[in-house]
N, C-alpha and C. Protein backbone atom coordinates (compact mmCIF):
# COMPACT_ATOMS: atom_id res chain seq x y z
N MET A 1 -1.04 -17.98 8.19
CA MET A 1 -1.32 -17.23 6.98
C MET A 1 -0.79 -17.97 5.77
N ASN A 2 -1.03 -17.43 4.62
CA ASN A 2 -0.54 -18.09 3.42
C ASN A 2 0.75 -17.44 2.93
N GLU A 3 1.26 -17.95 1.81
CA GLU A 3 2.54 -17.47 1.31
C GLU A 3 2.49 -16.03 0.79
N PHE A 4 1.31 -15.52 0.43
CA PHE A 4 1.19 -14.17 -0.10
C PHE A 4 1.03 -13.11 0.99
N ASN A 5 0.59 -13.50 2.17
CA ASN A 5 0.36 -12.57 3.28
C ASN A 5 1.06 -13.09 4.54
N PRO A 6 2.40 -12.94 4.64
CA PRO A 6 3.12 -13.47 5.80
C PRO A 6 2.64 -12.84 7.10
N GLU A 7 2.46 -13.68 8.08
CA GLU A 7 1.95 -13.23 9.38
C GLU A 7 2.87 -12.22 10.04
N SER A 8 4.18 -12.39 9.90
CA SER A 8 5.12 -11.46 10.54
C SER A 8 4.97 -10.05 9.98
N TYR A 9 4.71 -9.92 8.68
CA TYR A 9 4.53 -8.60 8.08
C TYR A 9 3.20 -7.98 8.50
N LEU A 10 2.16 -8.80 8.58
CA LEU A 10 0.87 -8.30 9.02
C LEU A 10 0.95 -7.82 10.47
N LEU A 11 1.74 -8.51 11.29
CA LEU A 11 1.93 -8.08 12.68
C LEU A 11 2.67 -6.74 12.76
N LYS A 12 3.66 -6.53 11.88
CA LYS A 12 4.36 -5.25 11.85
C LYS A 12 3.40 -4.12 11.51
N ILE A 13 2.51 -4.37 10.57
CA ILE A 13 1.53 -3.36 10.18
C ILE A 13 0.58 -3.08 11.33
N GLN A 14 0.13 -4.12 12.04
CA GLN A 14 -0.76 -3.94 13.19
C GLN A 14 -0.08 -3.12 14.30
N LYS A 15 1.18 -3.41 14.58
CA LYS A 15 1.91 -2.65 15.61
C LYS A 15 2.01 -1.18 15.24
N GLN A 16 2.32 -0.91 13.97
CA GLN A 16 2.41 0.48 13.50
C GLN A 16 1.07 1.19 13.67
N LYS A 17 -0.01 0.49 13.33
CA LYS A 17 -1.35 1.07 13.44
C LYS A 17 -1.68 1.39 14.90
N TYR A 18 -1.38 0.49 15.81
CA TYR A 18 -1.71 0.72 17.21
C TYR A 18 -0.86 1.81 17.83
N LYS A 19 0.39 1.97 17.38
CA LYS A 19 1.22 3.07 17.88
C LYS A 19 0.58 4.42 17.55
N ILE A 20 0.07 4.53 16.34
CA ILE A 20 -0.53 5.79 15.90
C ILE A 20 -1.92 5.97 16.51
N ALA A 21 -2.67 4.88 16.65
CA ALA A 21 -4.06 4.96 17.13
C ALA A 21 -4.16 5.28 18.62
N ILE A 22 -3.08 5.14 19.37
CA ILE A 22 -3.14 5.39 20.81
C ILE A 22 -3.52 6.84 21.12
N PHE A 23 -3.10 7.79 20.28
CA PHE A 23 -3.39 9.20 20.55
C PHE A 23 -4.89 9.52 20.43
N PRO A 24 -5.58 9.11 19.36
CA PRO A 24 -7.03 9.38 19.33
C PRO A 24 -7.79 8.64 20.44
N ILE A 25 -7.33 7.45 20.79
CA ILE A 25 -7.99 6.69 21.86
C ILE A 25 -7.82 7.42 23.19
N LEU A 26 -6.63 7.95 23.46
CA LEU A 26 -6.40 8.71 24.69
C LEU A 26 -7.25 9.97 24.74
N ILE A 27 -7.44 10.62 23.59
CA ILE A 27 -8.30 11.82 23.54
C ILE A 27 -9.72 11.46 23.96
N VAL A 28 -10.24 10.34 23.45
CA VAL A 28 -11.60 9.91 23.80
C VAL A 28 -11.70 9.60 25.29
N ILE A 29 -10.74 8.86 25.82
CA ILE A 29 -10.78 8.46 27.23
C ILE A 29 -10.66 9.68 28.15
N ILE A 30 -9.72 10.55 27.87
CA ILE A 30 -9.51 11.73 28.72
C ILE A 30 -10.72 12.65 28.67
N SER A 31 -11.25 12.89 27.47
CA SER A 31 -12.42 13.78 27.38
C SER A 31 -13.64 13.15 28.05
N PHE A 32 -13.76 11.82 28.03
CA PHE A 32 -14.88 11.16 28.72
C PHE A 32 -14.79 11.40 30.23
N PHE A 33 -13.60 11.18 30.80
CA PHE A 33 -13.45 11.37 32.24
C PHE A 33 -13.59 12.84 32.64
N LEU A 34 -13.06 13.75 31.84
CA LEU A 34 -13.22 15.17 32.14
C LEU A 34 -14.68 15.60 32.03
N HIS A 35 -15.39 15.07 31.05
CA HIS A 35 -16.81 15.41 30.88
C HIS A 35 -17.64 14.87 32.06
N SER A 36 -17.32 13.66 32.50
CA SER A 36 -18.07 13.11 33.63
C SER A 36 -17.76 13.84 34.94
N SER A 37 -16.57 14.42 35.05
CA SER A 37 -16.19 15.15 36.27
C SER A 37 -16.66 16.60 36.26
N PHE A 38 -16.52 17.29 35.13
CA PHE A 38 -16.76 18.73 35.09
C PHE A 38 -18.00 19.15 34.30
N GLN A 39 -18.59 18.24 33.54
CA GLN A 39 -19.81 18.50 32.77
C GLN A 39 -19.66 19.65 31.75
N PHE A 40 -18.49 19.82 31.19
CA PHE A 40 -18.31 20.80 30.12
C PHE A 40 -18.83 20.19 28.82
N THR A 41 -19.74 20.89 28.17
CA THR A 41 -20.35 20.34 26.95
C THR A 41 -19.36 20.30 25.79
N PHE A 42 -18.40 21.22 25.76
CA PHE A 42 -17.46 21.23 24.63
C PHE A 42 -16.57 19.99 24.62
N LEU A 43 -16.47 19.26 25.75
CA LEU A 43 -15.61 18.07 25.80
C LEU A 43 -16.14 16.94 24.91
N LYS A 44 -17.44 16.93 24.64
CA LYS A 44 -17.96 15.88 23.76
C LYS A 44 -17.43 16.07 22.34
N TYR A 45 -17.06 17.30 21.97
CA TYR A 45 -16.48 17.53 20.65
C TYR A 45 -15.06 16.98 20.58
N PHE A 46 -14.34 17.01 21.71
CA PHE A 46 -13.02 16.37 21.75
C PHE A 46 -13.15 14.86 21.58
N SER A 47 -14.19 14.28 22.20
CA SER A 47 -14.44 12.84 22.03
C SER A 47 -14.72 12.51 20.57
N LEU A 48 -15.52 13.35 19.95
CA LEU A 48 -15.84 13.14 18.54
C LEU A 48 -14.58 13.28 17.68
N ALA A 49 -13.75 14.26 17.98
CA ALA A 49 -12.49 14.42 17.24
C ALA A 49 -11.59 13.20 17.42
N GLY A 50 -11.52 12.66 18.62
CA GLY A 50 -10.74 11.45 18.88
C GLY A 50 -11.28 10.26 18.12
N LEU A 51 -12.59 10.12 18.09
CA LEU A 51 -13.22 9.02 17.35
C LEU A 51 -12.92 9.14 15.85
N LEU A 52 -13.06 10.34 15.31
CA LEU A 52 -12.77 10.55 13.90
C LEU A 52 -11.29 10.30 13.59
N GLY A 53 -10.41 10.69 14.51
CA GLY A 53 -8.98 10.42 14.35
C GLY A 53 -8.70 8.93 14.32
N TYR A 54 -9.39 8.18 15.18
CA TYR A 54 -9.21 6.73 15.22
C TYR A 54 -9.67 6.11 13.90
N VAL A 55 -10.82 6.53 13.39
CA VAL A 55 -11.33 6.01 12.11
C VAL A 55 -10.35 6.34 10.99
N PHE A 56 -9.77 7.54 11.01
CA PHE A 56 -8.79 7.95 10.00
C PHE A 56 -7.56 7.03 10.05
N VAL A 57 -7.07 6.72 11.24
CA VAL A 57 -5.91 5.84 11.38
C VAL A 57 -6.24 4.45 10.84
N ILE A 58 -7.42 3.95 11.13
CA ILE A 58 -7.82 2.63 10.63
C ILE A 58 -7.87 2.64 9.11
N MET A 59 -8.41 3.72 8.53
CA MET A 59 -8.49 3.81 7.07
C MET A 59 -7.11 3.87 6.43
N LEU A 60 -6.16 4.52 7.09
CA LEU A 60 -4.80 4.63 6.55
C LEU A 60 -4.06 3.29 6.54
N HIS A 61 -4.43 2.38 7.40
CA HIS A 61 -3.69 1.13 7.56
C HIS A 61 -4.41 -0.09 6.98
N LYS A 62 -5.22 0.10 5.98
CA LYS A 62 -5.89 -1.08 5.41
C LYS A 62 -4.93 -1.83 4.48
N VAL A 63 -5.05 -3.14 4.50
CA VAL A 63 -4.22 -4.04 3.69
C VAL A 63 -5.14 -4.99 2.97
N ASN A 64 -4.93 -5.12 1.66
CA ASN A 64 -5.70 -6.10 0.90
C ASN A 64 -5.04 -7.46 1.02
N LYS A 65 -5.84 -8.48 1.17
CA LYS A 65 -5.32 -9.85 1.17
C LYS A 65 -5.41 -10.35 -0.27
N THR A 66 -4.34 -10.16 -0.98
CA THR A 66 -4.28 -10.37 -2.42
C THR A 66 -3.96 -11.80 -2.78
N VAL A 67 -4.59 -12.27 -3.85
CA VAL A 67 -4.21 -13.51 -4.51
C VAL A 67 -3.91 -13.13 -5.95
N PRO A 68 -2.64 -13.22 -6.36
CA PRO A 68 -2.26 -12.76 -7.69
C PRO A 68 -2.85 -13.64 -8.80
N PRO A 69 -2.99 -13.07 -10.01
CA PRO A 69 -3.50 -13.85 -11.12
C PRO A 69 -2.51 -14.93 -11.54
N VAL A 70 -3.04 -16.03 -12.04
CA VAL A 70 -2.19 -17.12 -12.52
C VAL A 70 -2.07 -16.99 -14.03
N CYS A 71 -0.85 -16.86 -14.52
CA CYS A 71 -0.59 -16.71 -15.95
C CYS A 71 0.59 -17.60 -16.32
N GLU A 72 0.54 -18.14 -17.55
CA GLU A 72 1.69 -18.91 -18.04
C GLU A 72 2.79 -17.99 -18.52
N GLN A 73 2.43 -16.80 -18.99
CA GLN A 73 3.39 -15.86 -19.54
C GLN A 73 4.01 -15.05 -18.40
N LYS A 74 5.29 -14.68 -18.54
CA LYS A 74 5.92 -13.83 -17.51
C LYS A 74 5.27 -12.46 -17.53
N HIS A 75 4.97 -11.95 -16.33
CA HIS A 75 4.27 -10.68 -16.23
C HIS A 75 4.80 -9.87 -15.05
N LEU A 76 4.42 -8.59 -15.04
CA LEU A 76 4.80 -7.65 -14.00
C LEU A 76 3.52 -7.20 -13.30
N LEU A 77 3.45 -7.42 -11.99
CA LEU A 77 2.28 -7.00 -11.21
C LEU A 77 2.52 -5.62 -10.61
N SER A 78 1.45 -4.93 -10.27
CA SER A 78 1.56 -3.64 -9.62
C SER A 78 2.09 -3.82 -8.20
N PRO A 79 3.15 -3.09 -7.83
CA PRO A 79 3.67 -3.22 -6.46
C PRO A 79 2.81 -2.51 -5.42
N ILE A 80 2.06 -1.47 -5.84
CA ILE A 80 1.19 -0.73 -4.92
C ILE A 80 -0.16 -0.49 -5.58
N SER A 81 -1.15 -0.16 -4.75
CA SER A 81 -2.46 0.23 -5.27
C SER A 81 -2.45 1.73 -5.54
N GLY A 82 -3.15 2.14 -6.58
CA GLY A 82 -3.21 3.55 -6.91
C GLY A 82 -3.69 3.76 -8.33
N LYS A 83 -3.31 4.89 -8.92
CA LYS A 83 -3.67 5.21 -10.31
C LYS A 83 -2.40 5.37 -11.14
N ILE A 84 -2.51 4.94 -12.39
CA ILE A 84 -1.40 5.11 -13.33
C ILE A 84 -1.32 6.58 -13.72
N ALA A 85 -0.19 7.21 -13.46
CA ALA A 85 0.00 8.62 -13.83
C ALA A 85 0.51 8.74 -15.25
N SER A 86 1.46 7.87 -15.62
CA SER A 86 2.00 7.92 -16.98
C SER A 86 2.62 6.58 -17.35
N THR A 87 2.60 6.32 -18.65
CA THR A 87 3.24 5.12 -19.20
C THR A 87 3.97 5.54 -20.46
N ASN A 88 5.23 5.91 -20.34
CA ASN A 88 6.00 6.27 -21.53
C ASN A 88 7.45 5.86 -21.36
N ASN A 89 8.12 5.63 -22.49
CA ASN A 89 9.54 5.24 -22.51
C ASN A 89 9.83 4.04 -21.62
N ASN A 90 8.94 3.06 -21.67
CA ASN A 90 9.05 1.86 -20.83
C ASN A 90 9.17 2.17 -19.35
N LYS A 91 8.49 3.22 -18.93
CA LYS A 91 8.37 3.57 -17.51
C LYS A 91 6.90 3.63 -17.17
N ILE A 92 6.58 3.18 -15.99
CA ILE A 92 5.21 3.26 -15.48
C ILE A 92 5.28 4.02 -14.16
N GLU A 93 4.50 5.09 -14.05
CA GLU A 93 4.44 5.84 -12.79
C GLU A 93 3.07 5.62 -12.17
N ILE A 94 3.08 5.19 -10.91
CA ILE A 94 1.85 4.94 -10.16
C ILE A 94 1.80 5.92 -8.99
N ILE A 95 0.64 6.54 -8.80
CA ILE A 95 0.46 7.44 -7.67
C ILE A 95 -0.50 6.79 -6.68
N LYS A 96 -0.01 6.59 -5.46
CA LYS A 96 -0.81 6.03 -4.37
C LYS A 96 -1.33 7.19 -3.55
N SER A 97 -2.64 7.27 -3.38
CA SER A 97 -3.21 8.33 -2.55
C SER A 97 -3.13 7.93 -1.08
N ILE A 98 -3.46 8.84 -0.23
CA ILE A 98 -3.38 8.60 1.22
C ILE A 98 -4.37 7.51 1.66
N PHE A 99 -5.45 7.32 0.91
CA PHE A 99 -6.47 6.35 1.30
C PHE A 99 -6.35 5.00 0.59
N ASP A 100 -5.37 4.84 -0.29
CA ASP A 100 -5.15 3.53 -0.92
C ASP A 100 -4.49 2.61 0.10
N PRO A 101 -4.68 1.28 -0.05
CA PRO A 101 -4.06 0.34 0.88
C PRO A 101 -2.55 0.54 0.98
N ILE A 102 -1.99 0.21 2.15
CA ILE A 102 -0.58 0.50 2.42
C ILE A 102 0.37 -0.61 2.01
N ASP A 103 -0.16 -1.73 1.55
CA ASP A 103 0.71 -2.87 1.26
C ASP A 103 1.52 -2.68 0.00
N ILE A 104 2.77 -3.15 0.06
CA ILE A 104 3.65 -3.25 -1.10
C ILE A 104 3.74 -4.73 -1.41
N ARG A 105 3.53 -5.06 -2.67
CA ARG A 105 3.56 -6.46 -3.10
C ARG A 105 4.72 -6.69 -4.06
N CYS A 106 5.22 -7.91 -4.06
CA CYS A 106 6.28 -8.28 -5.00
C CYS A 106 5.71 -8.25 -6.41
N SER A 107 6.32 -7.45 -7.28
CA SER A 107 5.78 -7.30 -8.63
C SER A 107 6.33 -8.34 -9.59
N THR A 108 7.55 -8.76 -9.38
CA THR A 108 8.17 -9.78 -10.23
C THR A 108 9.38 -10.35 -9.53
N SER A 109 9.76 -11.55 -9.90
CA SER A 109 10.97 -12.15 -9.31
C SER A 109 12.21 -11.74 -10.10
N SER A 110 12.03 -10.97 -11.17
CA SER A 110 13.15 -10.51 -12.00
C SER A 110 13.86 -9.32 -11.35
N ASP A 111 15.18 -9.32 -11.42
CA ASP A 111 15.96 -8.19 -10.91
C ASP A 111 16.15 -7.11 -11.96
N LYS A 112 15.57 -7.30 -13.14
CA LYS A 112 15.73 -6.34 -14.23
C LYS A 112 14.85 -5.11 -14.07
N ILE A 113 13.85 -5.17 -13.21
CA ILE A 113 12.91 -4.07 -13.02
C ILE A 113 13.44 -3.16 -11.93
N ASP A 114 13.59 -1.87 -12.24
CA ASP A 114 14.00 -0.88 -11.24
C ASP A 114 12.76 -0.21 -10.68
N ILE A 115 12.62 -0.22 -9.37
CA ILE A 115 11.50 0.45 -8.71
C ILE A 115 12.07 1.63 -7.92
N ILE A 116 11.54 2.82 -8.21
CA ILE A 116 12.00 4.04 -7.54
C ILE A 116 10.83 4.60 -6.75
N TRP A 117 11.04 4.82 -5.44
CA TRP A 117 10.01 5.39 -4.58
C TRP A 117 10.27 6.89 -4.47
N LYS A 118 9.28 7.70 -4.86
CA LYS A 118 9.39 9.15 -4.72
C LYS A 118 8.58 9.57 -3.50
N ASN A 119 8.93 10.64 -2.88
CA ASN A 119 8.25 11.25 -1.72
C ASN A 119 8.55 10.54 -0.41
N LYS A 120 8.54 9.21 -0.39
CA LYS A 120 8.71 8.47 0.87
C LYS A 120 9.45 7.18 0.61
N LYS A 121 10.02 6.66 1.66
CA LYS A 121 10.63 5.34 1.62
C LYS A 121 9.70 4.38 2.34
N PRO A 122 9.68 3.11 1.93
CA PRO A 122 8.86 2.11 2.63
C PRO A 122 9.27 1.97 4.09
N LEU A 123 8.29 1.71 4.98
CA LEU A 123 8.60 1.52 6.39
C LEU A 123 9.35 0.21 6.62
N PHE A 124 9.02 -0.81 5.86
CA PHE A 124 9.86 -2.00 5.79
C PHE A 124 9.70 -2.56 4.39
N PHE A 125 10.72 -3.24 3.92
CA PHE A 125 10.74 -3.66 2.52
C PHE A 125 11.66 -4.85 2.37
N GLU A 126 11.14 -5.93 1.81
CA GLU A 126 11.93 -7.13 1.52
C GLU A 126 12.53 -6.98 0.13
N GLU A 127 13.84 -6.98 0.02
CA GLU A 127 14.52 -6.67 -1.24
C GLU A 127 14.36 -7.74 -2.31
N HIS A 128 14.69 -8.96 -2.01
CA HIS A 128 14.74 -10.00 -3.04
C HIS A 128 13.63 -11.03 -2.81
N CYS A 129 12.50 -10.77 -3.42
CA CYS A 129 11.34 -11.65 -3.27
C CYS A 129 11.23 -12.55 -4.50
N GLN A 130 10.82 -13.77 -4.29
CA GLN A 130 10.68 -14.72 -5.40
C GLN A 130 9.23 -15.11 -5.67
N ILE A 131 8.28 -14.59 -4.87
CA ILE A 131 6.87 -14.98 -5.02
C ILE A 131 6.07 -13.76 -5.46
N ASN A 132 5.62 -13.75 -6.71
CA ASN A 132 4.83 -12.63 -7.21
C ASN A 132 3.55 -12.45 -6.39
N GLY A 133 3.28 -11.22 -5.97
CA GLY A 133 2.07 -10.92 -5.20
C GLY A 133 2.25 -11.00 -3.70
N LYS A 134 3.44 -11.42 -3.22
CA LYS A 134 3.68 -11.55 -1.78
C LYS A 134 3.79 -10.17 -1.14
N LEU A 135 3.23 -10.03 0.06
CA LEU A 135 3.38 -8.81 0.85
C LEU A 135 4.85 -8.67 1.25
N ILE A 136 5.47 -7.53 0.85
CA ILE A 136 6.90 -7.35 1.13
C ILE A 136 7.20 -6.04 1.86
N GLY A 137 6.17 -5.22 2.13
CA GLY A 137 6.43 -3.98 2.83
C GLY A 137 5.19 -3.14 2.97
N MET A 138 5.38 -1.90 3.50
CA MET A 138 4.25 -0.99 3.63
C MET A 138 4.69 0.45 3.44
N LEU A 139 3.76 1.22 2.89
CA LEU A 139 3.94 2.66 2.66
C LEU A 139 2.69 3.37 3.14
N ILE A 140 2.86 4.35 4.01
CA ILE A 140 1.72 5.11 4.51
C ILE A 140 1.74 6.49 3.86
N GLY A 141 0.58 6.94 3.40
CA GLY A 141 0.47 8.27 2.82
C GLY A 141 0.57 8.27 1.32
N LYS A 142 0.70 9.48 0.77
CA LYS A 142 0.77 9.65 -0.67
C LYS A 142 2.19 9.35 -1.15
N VAL A 143 2.29 8.51 -2.19
CA VAL A 143 3.59 8.08 -2.69
C VAL A 143 3.53 7.95 -4.21
N ASN A 144 4.62 8.29 -4.87
CA ASN A 144 4.77 8.03 -6.30
C ASN A 144 5.76 6.89 -6.45
N CYS A 145 5.45 5.97 -7.34
CA CYS A 145 6.31 4.82 -7.62
C CYS A 145 6.57 4.79 -9.12
N VAL A 146 7.84 4.71 -9.50
CA VAL A 146 8.21 4.63 -10.91
C VAL A 146 8.88 3.29 -11.15
N LEU A 147 8.36 2.55 -12.14
CA LEU A 147 8.95 1.27 -12.52
C LEU A 147 9.61 1.44 -13.88
N LYS A 148 10.91 1.17 -13.96
CA LYS A 148 11.64 1.21 -15.22
C LYS A 148 11.75 -0.21 -15.75
N LEU A 149 11.19 -0.43 -16.95
CA LEU A 149 11.11 -1.77 -17.51
C LEU A 149 12.13 -1.98 -18.62
N PRO A 150 12.66 -3.20 -18.75
CA PRO A 150 13.51 -3.51 -19.89
C PRO A 150 12.68 -3.50 -21.19
N ASP A 151 13.36 -3.46 -22.32
CA ASP A 151 12.67 -3.36 -23.61
C ASP A 151 11.78 -4.55 -23.93
N GLU A 152 12.04 -5.72 -23.37
CA GLU A 152 11.24 -6.90 -23.72
C GLU A 152 9.83 -6.88 -23.11
N TYR A 153 9.55 -5.95 -22.19
CA TYR A 153 8.22 -5.86 -21.58
C TYR A 153 7.30 -4.97 -22.42
N LYS A 154 6.05 -5.41 -22.57
CA LYS A 154 5.02 -4.63 -23.26
C LYS A 154 4.01 -4.16 -22.21
N ILE A 155 3.86 -2.85 -22.08
CA ILE A 155 2.97 -2.26 -21.08
C ILE A 155 1.51 -2.53 -21.45
N GLU A 156 0.72 -2.97 -20.46
CA GLU A 156 -0.68 -3.32 -20.71
C GLU A 156 -1.68 -2.43 -19.98
N VAL A 157 -1.22 -1.40 -19.31
CA VAL A 157 -2.12 -0.49 -18.60
C VAL A 157 -2.13 0.86 -19.30
N GLU A 158 -3.13 1.67 -18.97
CA GLU A 158 -3.27 2.98 -19.59
C GLU A 158 -3.23 4.06 -18.52
N ASP A 159 -2.90 5.28 -18.93
CA ASP A 159 -2.89 6.41 -18.02
C ASP A 159 -4.27 6.57 -17.38
N GLY A 160 -4.31 6.83 -16.07
CA GLY A 160 -5.56 7.03 -15.35
C GLY A 160 -6.21 5.76 -14.85
N GLN A 161 -5.68 4.61 -15.21
CA GLN A 161 -6.27 3.34 -14.79
C GLN A 161 -5.98 3.07 -13.32
N LYS A 162 -6.96 2.55 -12.60
CA LYS A 162 -6.80 2.15 -11.21
C LYS A 162 -6.13 0.78 -11.17
N VAL A 163 -5.10 0.65 -10.35
CA VAL A 163 -4.39 -0.62 -10.22
C VAL A 163 -4.40 -1.08 -8.77
N PHE A 164 -4.29 -2.38 -8.58
CA PHE A 164 -4.32 -2.97 -7.25
C PHE A 164 -3.05 -3.77 -7.01
N ALA A 165 -2.45 -3.57 -5.86
CA ALA A 165 -1.17 -4.20 -5.52
C ALA A 165 -1.27 -5.72 -5.58
N GLY A 166 -0.37 -6.32 -6.36
CA GLY A 166 -0.31 -7.78 -6.45
C GLY A 166 -1.39 -8.41 -7.29
N GLU A 167 -2.30 -7.62 -7.87
CA GLU A 167 -3.39 -8.18 -8.66
C GLU A 167 -3.38 -7.72 -10.11
N THR A 168 -3.12 -6.44 -10.34
CA THR A 168 -3.18 -5.87 -11.68
C THR A 168 -1.89 -6.16 -12.44
N ILE A 169 -2.02 -6.71 -13.64
CA ILE A 169 -0.86 -6.96 -14.50
C ILE A 169 -0.53 -5.66 -15.23
N LEU A 170 0.66 -5.13 -14.98
CA LEU A 170 1.10 -3.88 -15.61
C LEU A 170 1.72 -4.12 -16.97
N ALA A 171 2.49 -5.20 -17.11
CA ALA A 171 3.19 -5.48 -18.37
C ALA A 171 3.48 -6.97 -18.46
N ARG A 172 3.70 -7.39 -19.71
CA ARG A 172 4.08 -8.79 -19.98
C ARG A 172 5.30 -8.79 -20.88
N ILE A 173 6.05 -9.89 -20.83
CA ILE A 173 7.15 -10.03 -21.77
C ILE A 173 6.54 -10.28 -23.13
N SER A 174 7.02 -9.55 -24.14
CA SER A 174 6.50 -9.68 -25.49
C SER A 174 6.64 -11.11 -25.99
N ASP A 175 5.70 -11.54 -26.86
CA ASP A 175 5.70 -12.90 -27.38
C ASP A 175 7.00 -13.24 -28.11
N ASN A 176 7.57 -12.28 -28.81
CA ASN A 176 8.80 -12.56 -29.55
C ASN A 176 10.03 -12.65 -28.65
N GLN A 177 9.89 -12.35 -27.36
CA GLN A 177 11.02 -12.40 -26.43
C GLN A 177 11.03 -13.66 -25.58
N THR A 178 9.93 -14.42 -25.54
CA THR A 178 9.84 -15.58 -24.65
C THR A 178 10.53 -16.79 -25.18
């Protein structure tokens, strides 16, 4: 893999997906064998429920293979995919829905940015990343993320805007600060 999508992290995500997907797969297999043995018509609905459960698990575990934008100016990338809920007082709140990709990306190599996870904690998370856009963790389900920015950053996104992890530039250091 490349530097932005480490193979070890992608393997962790795959293992998590297969742990959860085993239950819908077992439902399909068991209902198939019971249907072939007893010919109960309602068992085909269990197979359908298992298939839909499997598709749901696959949708929950999608990961974008991101290549971050190249900029000469220092910038802050979105750590997760989702929608901007608010941008005020040098804070950016992002809401990730249950169907947004699960990847967490390194938003900046600066330690000045505080990232607060509401509702859930990441399943794994690399604390000190130096490569903007690198896969550093995963979050499953609905999550709110608040980024507290220092005064030298100028926010470049608007409320309601869709953002993509490791691709969307949320803020840049103001020209008078560089």
